[in-house]
């Protein structure tokens, strides 16, 4: 299934965190928090301003991003959980 977000929305796939701490302690599933890092799968065309012009997006497909704990709406696509969120919900882009 293909999804193209509208306006200033992005489709994000969560990136799972490590199951071990740096000290080697294994974290059980019940104690894990949902990751706040993800990879952008699809990007909308951008927000319309008051004059009717599109404002380009600052993020692009393939970017690794950080987002708020409760940001976006969870959806399932082909059995995999994704998030659809506004560009404003993205806190930053992780550069390598």
PDB file of N, CA and C in Angstrom:
ATOM      1  N   UNK A   1       0.846  -1.167   0.000  1.00  0.00           N
ATOM      2  CA  UNK A   1       0.000   0.000   0.000  1.00  0.00           C
ATOM      3  C   UNK A   1       0.900   1.242   0.000  1.00  0.00           C
ATOM      4  N   UNK A   2       0.550   2.232  -0.792  1.00  0.00           N
ATOM      5  CA  UNK A   2       1.304   3.487  -0.833  1.00  0.00           C
ATOM      6  C   UNK A   2       0.455   4.591  -0.225  1.00  0.00           C
ATOM      7  N   UNK A   3       1.087   5.413   0.601  1.00  0.00           N
ATOM      8  CA  UNK A   3       0.403   6.548   1.214  1.00  0.00           C
ATOM      9  C   UNK A   3       1.227   7.794   0.943  1.00  0.00           C
ATOM     10  N   UNK A   4       0.558   8.836   0.480  1.00  0.00           N
ATOM     11  CA  UNK A   4       1.206  10.136   0.282  1.00  0.00           C
ATOM     12  C   UNK A   4       0.566  11.114   1.259  1.00  0.00           C
ATOM     13  N   UNK A   5       1.342  11.590   2.245  1.00  0.00           N
ATOM     14  CA  UNK A   5       0.792  12.546   3.205  1.00  0.00           C
ATOM     15  C   UNK A   5       0.377  13.853   2.524  1.00  0.00           C
ATOM     16  N   UNK A   6      -0.604  14.517   3.107  1.00  0.00           N
ATOM     17  CA  UNK A   6      -1.084  15.782   2.577  1.00  0.00           C
ATOM     18  C   UNK A   6      -0.430  16.955   3.296  1.00  0.00           C
ATOM     19  N   UNK A   7      -0.352  18.078   2.608  1.00  0.00           N
ATOM     20  CA  UNK A   7       0.151  19.343   3.149  1.00  0.00           C
ATOM     21  C   UNK A   7       1.479  19.175   3.884  1.00  0.00           C
ATOM     22  N   UNK A   8       1.533  19.563   5.173  1.00  0.00           N
ATOM     23  CA  UNK A   8       2.807  19.545   5.899  1.00  0.00           C
ATOM     24  C   UNK A   8       2.945  18.303   6.782  1.00  0.00           C
ATOM     25  N   UNK A   9       2.350  17.205   6.376  1.00  0.00           N
ATOM     26  CA  UNK A   9       2.428  15.976   7.163  1.00  0.00           C
ATOM     27  C   UNK A   9       3.523  15.053   6.614  1.00  0.00           C
ATOM     28  N   UNK A  10       4.058  14.210   7.511  1.00  0.00           N
ATOM     29  CA  UNK A  10       5.077  13.237   7.130  1.00  0.00           C
ATOM     30  C   UNK A  10       4.686  11.868   7.675  1.00  0.00           C
ATOM     31  N   UNK A  11       5.117  10.826   6.989  1.00  0.00           N
ATOM     32  CA  UNK A  11       4.909   9.444   7.421  1.00  0.00           C
ATOM     33  C   UNK A  11       6.229   8.953   7.993  1.00  0.00           C
ATOM     34  N   UNK A  12       6.218   8.509   9.248  1.00  0.00           N
ATOM     35  CA  UNK A  12       7.437   8.131   9.958  1.00  0.00           C
ATOM     36  C   UNK A  12       7.338   6.689  10.436  1.00  0.00           C
ATOM     37  N   UNK A  13       8.440   5.945  10.262  1.00  0.00           N
ATOM     38  CA  UNK A  13       8.567   4.590  10.794  1.00  0.00           C
ATOM     39  C   UNK A  13       9.465   4.678  12.019  1.00  0.00           C
ATOM     40  N   UNK A  14       8.952   4.240  13.176  1.00  0.00           N
ATOM     41  CA  UNK A  14       9.757   4.283  14.411  1.00  0.00           C
ATOM     42  C   UNK A  14      10.979   3.385  14.263  1.00  0.00           C
ATOM     43  N   UNK A  15      12.099   3.833  14.816  1.00  0.00           N
ATOM     44  CA  UNK A  15      13.322   3.026  14.864  1.00  0.00           C
ATOM     45  C   UNK A  15      13.427   2.480  16.278  1.00  0.00           C
ATOM     46  N   UNK A  16      13.454   1.171  16.388  1.00  0.00           N
ATOM     47  CA  UNK A  16      13.478   0.526  17.697  1.00  0.00           C
ATOM     48  C   UNK A  16      14.809   0.769  18.397  1.00  0.00           C
ATOM     49  N   UNK A  17      14.741   0.967  19.720  1.00  0.00           N
ATOM     50  CA  UNK A  17      15.923   1.189  20.530  1.00  0.00           C
ATOM     51  C   UNK A  17      16.587  -0.144  20.864  1.00  0.00           C
ATOM     52  N   UNK A  18      17.811  -0.052  21.367  1.00  0.00           N
ATOM     53  CA  UNK A  18      18.546  -1.238  21.802  1.00  0.00           C
ATOM     54  C   UNK A  18      17.820  -1.918  22.960  1.00  0.00           C
ATOM     55  N   UNK A  19      17.938  -3.234  23.025  1.00  0.00           N
ATOM     56  CA  UNK A  19      17.307  -3.973  24.113  1.00  0.00           C
ATOM     57  C   UNK A  19      18.222  -4.089  25.318  1.00  0.00           C
ATOM     58  N   UNK A  20      19.481  -3.629  25.182  1.00  0.00           N
ATOM     59  CA  UNK A  20      20.428  -3.668  26.288  1.00  0.00           C
ATOM     60  C   UNK A  20      20.873  -2.249  26.611  1.00  0.00           C
ATOM     61  N   UNK A  21      21.179  -2.019  27.886  1.00  0.00           N
ATOM     62  CA  UNK A  21      21.756  -0.738  28.277  1.00  0.00           C
ATOM     63  C   UNK A  21      23.247  -0.777  27.978  1.00  0.00           C
ATOM     64  N   UNK A  22      23.933   0.336  28.152  1.00  0.00           N
ATOM     65  CA  UNK A  22      25.375   0.366  27.902  1.00  0.00           C
ATOM     66  C   UNK A  22      26.125  -0.537  28.878  1.00  0.00           C
ATOM     67  N   UNK A  23      25.532  -0.805  30.042  1.00  0.00           N
ATOM     68  CA  UNK A  23      26.145  -1.688  31.030  1.00  0.00           C
ATOM     69  C   UNK A  23      25.838  -3.154  30.786  1.00  0.00           C
ATOM     70  N   UNK A  24      25.036  -3.478  29.763  1.00  0.00           N
ATOM     71  CA  UNK A  24      24.746  -4.868  29.429  1.00  0.00           C
ATOM     72  C   UNK A  24      23.466  -5.410  30.031  1.00  0.00           C
ATOM     73  N   UNK A  25      22.675  -4.572  30.680  1.00  0.00           N
ATOM     74  CA  UNK A  25      21.415  -5.015  31.283  1.00  0.00           C
ATOM     75  C   UNK A  25      20.354  -5.084  30.193  1.00  0.00           C
ATOM     76  N   UNK A  26      19.654  -6.226  30.120  1.00  0.00           N
ATOM     77  CA  UNK A  26      18.598  -6.401  29.121  1.00  0.00           C
ATOM     78  C   UNK A  26      17.307  -5.801  29.657  1.00  0.00           C
ATOM     79  N   UNK A  27      16.672  -4.964  28.827  1.00  0.00           N
ATOM     80  CA  UNK A  27      15.436  -4.290  29.228  1.00  0.00           C
ATOM     81  C   UNK A  27      14.243  -5.115  28.755  1.00  0.00           C
ATOM     82  N   UNK A  28      13.342  -5.535  29.656  1.00  0.00           N
ATOM     83  CA  UNK A  28      12.171  -6.304  29.231  1.00  0.00           C
ATOM     84  C   UNK A  28      11.179  -5.439  28.456  1.00  0.00           C
ATOM     85  N   UNK A  29      10.353  -6.073  27.635  1.00  0.00           N
ATOM     86  CA  UNK A  29       9.381  -5.352  26.806  1.00  0.00           C
ATOM     87  C   UNK A  29       8.437  -4.491  27.634  1.00  0.00           C
ATOM     88  N   UNK A  30       8.075  -4.944  28.828  1.00  0.00           N
ATOM     89  CA  UNK A  30       7.122  -4.206  29.653  1.00  0.00           C
ATOM     90  C   UNK A  30       7.710  -2.905  30.194  1.00  0.00           C
ATOM     91  N   UNK A  31       9.030  -2.796  30.258  1.00  0.00           N
ATOM     92  CA  UNK A  31       9.677  -1.595  30.796  1.00  0.00           C
ATOM     93  C   UNK A  31      10.112  -0.622  29.703  1.00  0.00           C
ATOM     94  N   UNK A  32       9.987  -1.027  28.459  1.00  0.00           N
ATOM     95  CA  UNK A  32      10.434  -0.171  27.355  1.00  0.00           C
ATOM     96  C   UNK A  32       9.429   0.944  27.091  1.00  0.00           C
ATOM     97  N   UNK A  33       9.965   2.087  26.709  1.00  0.00           N
ATOM     98  CA  UNK A  33       9.119   3.174  26.232  1.00  0.00           C
ATOM     99  C   UNK A  33       9.168   3.151  24.714  1.00  0.00           C
ATOM    100  N   UNK A  34       8.134   3.718  24.084  1.00  0.00           N
ATOM    101  CA  UNK A  34       8.142   3.780  22.631  1.00  0.00           C
ATOM    102  C   UNK A  34       9.254   4.717  22.192  1.00  0.00           C
ATOM    103  N   UNK A  35       9.986   4.333  21.160  1.00  0.00           N
ATOM    104  CA  UNK A  35      11.089   5.190  20.713  1.00  0.00           C
ATOM    105  C   UNK A  35      10.593   6.530  20.182  1.00  0.00           C
ATOM    106  N   UNK A  36      11.423   7.541  20.352  1.00  0.00           N
ATOM    107  CA  UNK A  36      11.101   8.878  19.886  1.00  0.00           C
ATOM    108  C   UNK A  36      11.988   9.247  18.701  1.00  0.00           C
ATOM    109  N   UNK A  37      12.458   8.235  18.019  1.00  0.00           N
ATOM    110  CA  UNK A  37      13.309   8.426  16.851  1.00  0.00           C
ATOM    111  C   UNK A  37      12.717   7.619  15.710  1.00  0.00           C
ATOM    112  N   UNK A  38      12.788   8.157  14.507  1.00  0.00           N
ATOM    113  CA  UNK A  38      12.224   7.446  13.376  1.00  0.00           C
ATOM    114  C   UNK A  38      12.846   7.871  12.063  1.00  0.00           C
ATOM    115  N   UNK A  39      12.437   7.155  11.022  1.00  0.00           N
ATOM    116  CA  UNK A  39      12.902   7.428   9.663  1.00  0.00           C
ATOM    117  C   UNK A  39      11.702   7.883   8.847  1.00  0.00           C
ATOM    118  N   UNK A  40      11.878   8.958   8.099  1.00  0.00           N
ATOM    119  CA  UNK A  40      10.786   9.484   7.279  1.00  0.00           C
ATOM    120  C   UNK A  40      10.624   8.616   6.040  1.00  0.00           C
ATOM    121  N   UNK A  41       9.413   8.108   5.839  1.00  0.00           N
ATOM    122  CA  UNK A  41       9.087   7.236   4.714  1.00  0.00           C
ATOM    123  C   UNK A  41       8.492   8.038   3.566  1.00  0.00           C
ATOM    124  N   UNK A  42       7.669   9.041   3.864  1.00  0.00           N
ATOM    125  CA  UNK A  42       7.036   9.865   2.831  1.00  0.00           C
ATOM    126  C   UNK A  42       6.794  11.264   3.382  1.00  0.00           C
ATOM    127  N   UNK A  43       6.811  12.251   2.488  1.00  0.00           N
ATOM    128  CA  UNK A  43       6.656  13.658   2.866  1.00  0.00           C
ATOM    129  C   UNK A  43       5.585  14.288   1.988  1.00  0.00           C
ATOM    130  N   UNK A  44       4.733  15.109   2.606  1.00  0.00           N
ATOM    131  CA  UNK A  44       3.729  15.852   1.851  1.00  0.00           C
ATOM    132  C   UNK A  44       4.361  17.000   1.070  1.00  0.00           C
ATOM    133  N   UNK A  45       3.577  17.683   0.244  1.00  0.00           N
ATOM    134  CA  UNK A  45       4.114  18.747  -0.602  1.00  0.00           C
ATOM    135  C   UNK A  45       4.439  20.046   0.137  1.00  0.00           C
ATOM    136  N   UNK A  46       3.943  20.233   1.337  1.00  0.00           N
ATOM    137  CA  UNK A  46       4.209  21.457   2.094  1.00  0.00           C
ATOM    138  C   UNK A  46       2.925  22.200   2.418  1.00  0.00           C
ATOM    139  N   UNK A  47       3.012  23.121   3.356  1.00  0.00           N
ATOM    140  CA  UNK A  47       1.865  23.887   3.835  1.00  0.00           C
ATOM    141  C   UNK A  47       1.581  25.062   2.894  1.00  0.00           C
ATOM    142  N   UNK A  48       0.310  25.390   2.752  1.00  0.00           N
ATOM    143  CA  UNK A  48      -0.081  26.559   1.957  1.00  0.00           C
ATOM    144  C   UNK A  48      -0.058  27.787   2.861  1.00  0.00           C
ATOM    145  N   UNK A  49       0.548  28.887   2.376  1.00  0.00           N
ATOM    146  CA  UNK A  49       0.523  30.121   3.154  1.00  0.00           C
ATOM    147  C   UNK A  49      -0.719  30.932   2.790  1.00  0.00           C
ATOM    148  N   UNK A  50      -0.861  32.102   3.369  1.00  0.00           N
ATOM    149  CA  UNK A  50      -2.059  32.919   3.167  1.00  0.00           C
ATOM    150  C   UNK A  50      -2.216  33.409   1.728  1.00  0.00           C
ATOM    151  N   UNK A  51      -1.097  33.509   1.011  1.00  0.00           N
ATOM    152  CA  UNK A  51      -1.139  33.977  -0.376  1.00  0.00           C
ATOM    153  C   UNK A  51      -1.404  32.830  -1.359  1.00  0.00           C
ATOM    154  N   UNK A  52      -1.490  31.604  -0.846  1.00  0.00           N
ATOM    155  CA  UNK A  52      -1.757  30.454  -1.709  1.00  0.00           C
ATOM    156  C   UNK A  52      -0.504  29.792  -2.262  1.00  0.00           C
ATOM    157  N   UNK A  53       0.658  30.162  -1.730  1.00  0.00           N
ATOM    158  CA  UNK A  53       1.923  29.553  -2.172  1.00  0.00           C
ATOM    159  C   UNK A  53       2.302  28.419  -1.232  1.00  0.00           C
ATOM    160  N   UNK A  54       2.955  27.381  -1.767  1.00  0.00           N
ATOM    161  CA  UNK A  54       3.415  26.257  -0.950  1.00  0.00           C
ATOM    162  C   UNK A  54       4.723  26.618  -0.263  1.00  0.00           C
ATOM    163  N   UNK A  55       4.798  26.324   1.030  1.00  0.00           N
ATOM    164  CA  UNK A  55       6.033  26.479   1.783  1.00  0.00           C
ATOM    165  C   UNK A  55       6.758  25.138   1.728  1.00  0.00           C
ATOM    166  N   UNK A  56       7.983  25.091   1.215  1.00  0.00           N
ATOM    167  CA  UNK A  56       8.683  23.808   1.097  1.00  0.00           C
ATOM    168  C   UNK A  56       8.973  23.186   2.465  1.00  0.00           C
ATOM    169  N   UNK A  57       9.050  21.865   2.495  1.00  0.00           N
ATOM    170  CA  UNK A  57       9.318  21.133   3.732  1.00  0.00           C
ATOM    171  C   UNK A  57      10.812  21.190   4.046  1.00  0.00           C
ATOM    172  N   UNK A  58      11.147  21.225   5.354  1.00  0.00           N
ATOM    173  CA  UNK A  58      12.544  21.212   5.784  1.00  0.00           C
ATOM    174  C   UNK A  58      13.103  19.800   5.879  1.00  0.00           C
ATOM    175  N   UNK A  59      12.229  18.789   5.875  1.00  0.00           N
ATOM    176  CA  UNK A  59      12.667  17.394   5.955  1.00  0.00           C
ATOM    177  C   UNK A  59      12.390  16.707   4.628  1.00  0.00           C
ATOM    178  N   UNK A  60      13.080  15.589   4.411  1.00  0.00           N
ATOM    179  CA  UNK A  60      12.883  14.840   3.171  1.00  0.00           C
ATOM    180  C   UNK A  60      12.852  13.346   3.477  1.00  0.00           C
ATOM    181  N   UNK A  61      12.431  12.576   2.504  1.00  0.00           N
ATOM    182  CA  UNK A  61      12.358  11.126   2.644  1.00  0.00           C
ATOM    183  C   UNK A  61      13.745  10.584   2.981  1.00  0.00           C
ATOM    184  N   UNK A  62      13.803   9.695   3.966  1.00  0.00           N
ATOM    185  CA  UNK A  62      15.065   9.076   4.368  1.00  0.00           C
ATOM    186  C   UNK A  62      15.728   9.735   5.565  1.00  0.00           C
ATOM    187  N   UNK A  63      15.288  10.933   5.966  1.00  0.00           N
ATOM    188  CA  UNK A  63      15.868  11.608   7.134  1.00  0.00           C
ATOM    189  C   UNK A  63      15.541  10.837   8.404  1.00  0.00           C
ATOM    190  N   UNK A  64      16.506  10.818   9.348  1.00  0.00           N
ATOM    191  CA  UNK A  64      16.247  10.289  10.691  1.00  0.00           C
ATOM    192  C   UNK A  64      15.891  11.475  11.565  1.00  0.00           C
ATOM    193  N   UNK A  65      14.772  11.373  12.263  1.00  0.00           N
ATOM    194  CA  UNK A  65      14.259  12.511  13.025  1.00  0.00           C
ATOM    195  C   UNK A  65      13.933  12.128  14.466  1.00  0.00           C
ATOM    196  N   UNK A  66      13.904  13.143  15.321  1.00  0.00           N
ATOM    197  CA  UNK A  66      13.436  13.013  16.698  1.00  0.00           C
ATOM    198  C   UNK A  66      12.096  13.710  16.793  1.00  0.00           C
ATOM    199  N   UNK A  67      11.171  13.128  17.552  1.00  0.00           N
ATOM    200  CA  UNK A  67       9.850  13.720  17.705  1.00  0.00           C
ATOM    201  C   UNK A  67       9.380  13.541  19.138  1.00  0.00           C
ATOM    202  N   UNK A  68       8.346  14.281  19.510  1.00  0.00           N
ATOM    203  CA  UNK A  68       7.804  14.240  20.862  1.00  0.00           C
ATOM    204  C   UNK A  68       7.196  12.889  21.205  1.00  0.00           C
ATOM    205  N   UNK A  69       7.127  12.609  22.489  1.00  0.00           N
ATOM    206  CA  UNK A  69       6.619  11.325  22.987  1.00  0.00           C
ATOM    207  C   UNK A  69       5.207  11.015  22.506  1.00  0.00           C
ATOM    208  N   UNK A  70       4.344  12.025  22.460  1.00  0.00           N
ATOM    209  CA  UNK A  70       2.952  11.804  22.078  1.00  0.00           C
ATOM    210  C   UNK A  70       2.619  12.421  20.727  1.00  0.00           C
ATOM    211  N   UNK A  71       3.615  12.613  19.885  1.00  0.00           N
ATOM    212  CA  UNK A  71       3.416  13.264  18.582  1.00  0.00           C
ATOM    213  C   UNK A  71       2.769  12.304  17.586  1.00  0.00           C
ATOM    214  N   UNK A  72       1.943  12.846  16.723  1.00  0.00           N
ATOM    215  CA  UNK A  72       1.396  12.095  15.598  1.00  0.00           C
ATOM    216  C   UNK A  72       0.274  11.141  15.933  1.00  0.00           C
ATOM    217  N   UNK A  73      -0.223  10.504  14.881  1.00  0.00           N
ATOM    218  CA  UNK A  73      -1.278   9.496  14.989  1.00  0.00           C
ATOM    219  C   UNK A  73      -0.721   8.172  14.497  1.00  0.00           C
ATOM    220  N   UNK A  74      -0.926   7.124  15.290  1.00  0.00           N
ATOM    221  CA  UNK A  74      -0.433   5.803  14.917  1.00  0.00           C
ATOM    222  C   UNK A  74      -1.370   5.161  13.908  1.00  0.00           C
ATOM    223  N   UNK A  75      -0.788   4.585  12.858  1.00  0.00           N
ATOM    224  CA  UNK A  75      -1.549   3.832  11.867  1.00  0.00           C
ATOM    225  C   UNK A  75      -0.777   2.567  11.532  1.00  0.00           C
ATOM    226  N   UNK A  76      -1.480   1.565  11.019  1.00  0.00           N
ATOM    227  CA  UNK A  76      -0.822   0.336  10.571  1.00  0.00           C
ATOM    228  C   UNK A  76      -0.890   0.272   9.058  1.00  0.00           C
ATOM    229  N   UNK A  77       0.247   0.038   8.435  1.00  0.00           N
ATOM    230  CA  UNK A  77       0.324  -0.128   6.985  1.00  0.00           C
ATOM    231  C   UNK A  77       0.968  -1.480   6.737  1.00  0.00           C
ATOM    232  N   UNK A  78       0.233  -2.372   6.116  1.00  0.00           N
ATOM    233  CA  UNK A  78       0.706  -3.737   5.853  1.00  0.00           C
ATOM    234  C   UNK A  78       1.221  -4.409   7.128  1.00  0.00           C
ATOM    235  N   UNK A  79       0.533  -4.171   8.254  1.00  0.00           N
ATOM    236  CA  UNK A  79       0.875  -4.813   9.516  1.00  0.00           C
ATOM    237  C   UNK A  79       2.011  -4.158  10.283  1.00  0.00           C
ATOM    238  N   UNK A  80       2.567  -3.058   9.791  1.00  0.00           N
ATOM    239  CA  UNK A  80       3.674  -2.368  10.447  1.00  0.00           C
ATOM    240  C   UNK A  80       3.177  -1.023  10.970  1.00  0.00           C
ATOM    241  N   UNK A  81       3.493  -0.707  12.234  1.00  0.00           N
ATOM    242  CA  UNK A  81       3.053   0.560  12.826  1.00  0.00           C
ATOM    243  C   UNK A  81       3.876   1.728  12.299  1.00  0.00           C
ATOM    244  N   UNK A  82       3.189   2.766  11.863  1.00  0.00           N
ATOM    245  CA  UNK A  82       3.797   4.014  11.404  1.00  0.00           C
ATOM    246  C   UNK A  82       3.133   5.168  12.145  1.00  0.00           C
ATOM    247  N   UNK A  83       3.697   6.342  12.017  1.00  0.00           N
ATOM    248  CA  UNK A  83       3.111   7.565  12.559  1.00  0.00           C
ATOM    249  C   UNK A  83       2.911   8.557  11.429  1.00  0.00           C
ATOM    250  N   UNK A  84       1.787   9.242  11.453  1.00  0.00           N
ATOM    251  CA  UNK A  84       1.590  10.398  10.573  1.00  0.00           C
ATOM    252  C   UNK A  84       1.562  11.607  11.486  1.00  0.00           C
ATOM    253  N   UNK A  85       2.453  12.558  11.213  1.00  0.00           N
ATOM    254  CA  UNK A  85       2.544  13.748  12.057  1.00  0.00           C
ATOM    255  C   UNK A  85       2.814  14.981  11.214  1.00  0.00           C
ATOM    256  N   UNK A  86       2.549  16.124  11.797  1.00  0.00           N
ATOM    257  CA  UNK A  86       2.858  17.390  11.134  1.00  0.00           C
ATOM    258  C   UNK A  86       4.360  17.653  11.241  1.00  0.00           C
ATOM    259  N   UNK A  87       4.862  18.432  10.305  1.00  0.00           N
ATOM    260  CA  UNK A  87       6.281  18.784  10.342  1.00  0.00           C
ATOM    261  C   UNK A  87       6.619  19.511  11.641  1.00  0.00           C
ATOM    262  N   UNK A  88       5.677  20.274  12.197  1.00  0.00           N
ATOM    263  CA  UNK A  88       5.887  21.000  13.445  1.00  0.00           C
ATOM    264  C   UNK A  88       6.144  20.078  14.623  1.00  0.00           C
ATOM    265  N   UNK A  89       5.675  18.813  14.563  1.00  0.00           N
ATOM    266  CA  UNK A  89       5.883  17.859  15.658  1.00  0.00           C
ATOM    267  C   UNK A  89       7.302  17.299  15.686  1.00  0.00           C
ATOM    268  N   UNK A  90       8.054  17.509  14.617  1.00  0.00           N
ATOM    269  CA  UNK A  90       9.427  17.003  14.546  1.00  0.00           C
ATOM    270  C   UNK A  90      10.332  17.977  15.285  1.00  0.00           C
ATOM    271  N   UNK A  91      11.119  17.422  16.224  1.00  0.00           N
ATOM    272  CA  UNK A  91      11.988  18.248  17.063  1.00  0.00           C
ATOM    273  C   UNK A  91      13.326  18.525  16.384  1.00  0.00           C
ATOM    274  N   UNK A  92      13.810  17.584  15.587  1.00  0.00           N
ATOM    275  CA  UNK A  92      15.093  17.783  14.929  1.00  0.00           C
ATOM    276  C   UNK A  92      15.434  16.643  14.004  1.00  0.00           C
ATOM    277  N   UNK A  93      16.412  16.893  13.134  1.00  0.00           N
ATOM    278  CA  UNK A  93      16.907  15.901  12.184  1.00  0.00           C
ATOM    279  C   UNK A  93      18.259  15.413  12.683  1.00  0.00           C
ATOM    280  N   UNK A  94      18.463  14.104  12.711  1.00  0.00           N
ATOM    281  CA  UNK A  94      19.734  13.529  13.156  1.00  0.00           C
ATOM    282  C   UNK A  94      20.667  13.455  11.957  1.00  0.00           C
ATOM    283  N   UNK A  95      21.804  14.133  12.061  1.00  0.00           N
ATOM    284  CA  UNK A  95      22.792  14.118  10.978  1.00  0.00           C
ATOM    285  C   UNK A  95      23.937  13.207  11.371  1.00  0.00           C
ATOM    286  N   UNK A  96      24.448  12.483  10.393  1.00  0.00           N
ATOM    287  CA  UNK A  96      25.563  11.563  10.674  1.00  0.00           C
ATOM    288  C   UNK A  96      26.875  12.136  10.233  1.00  0.00           C
TER     289      UNK A  96
END
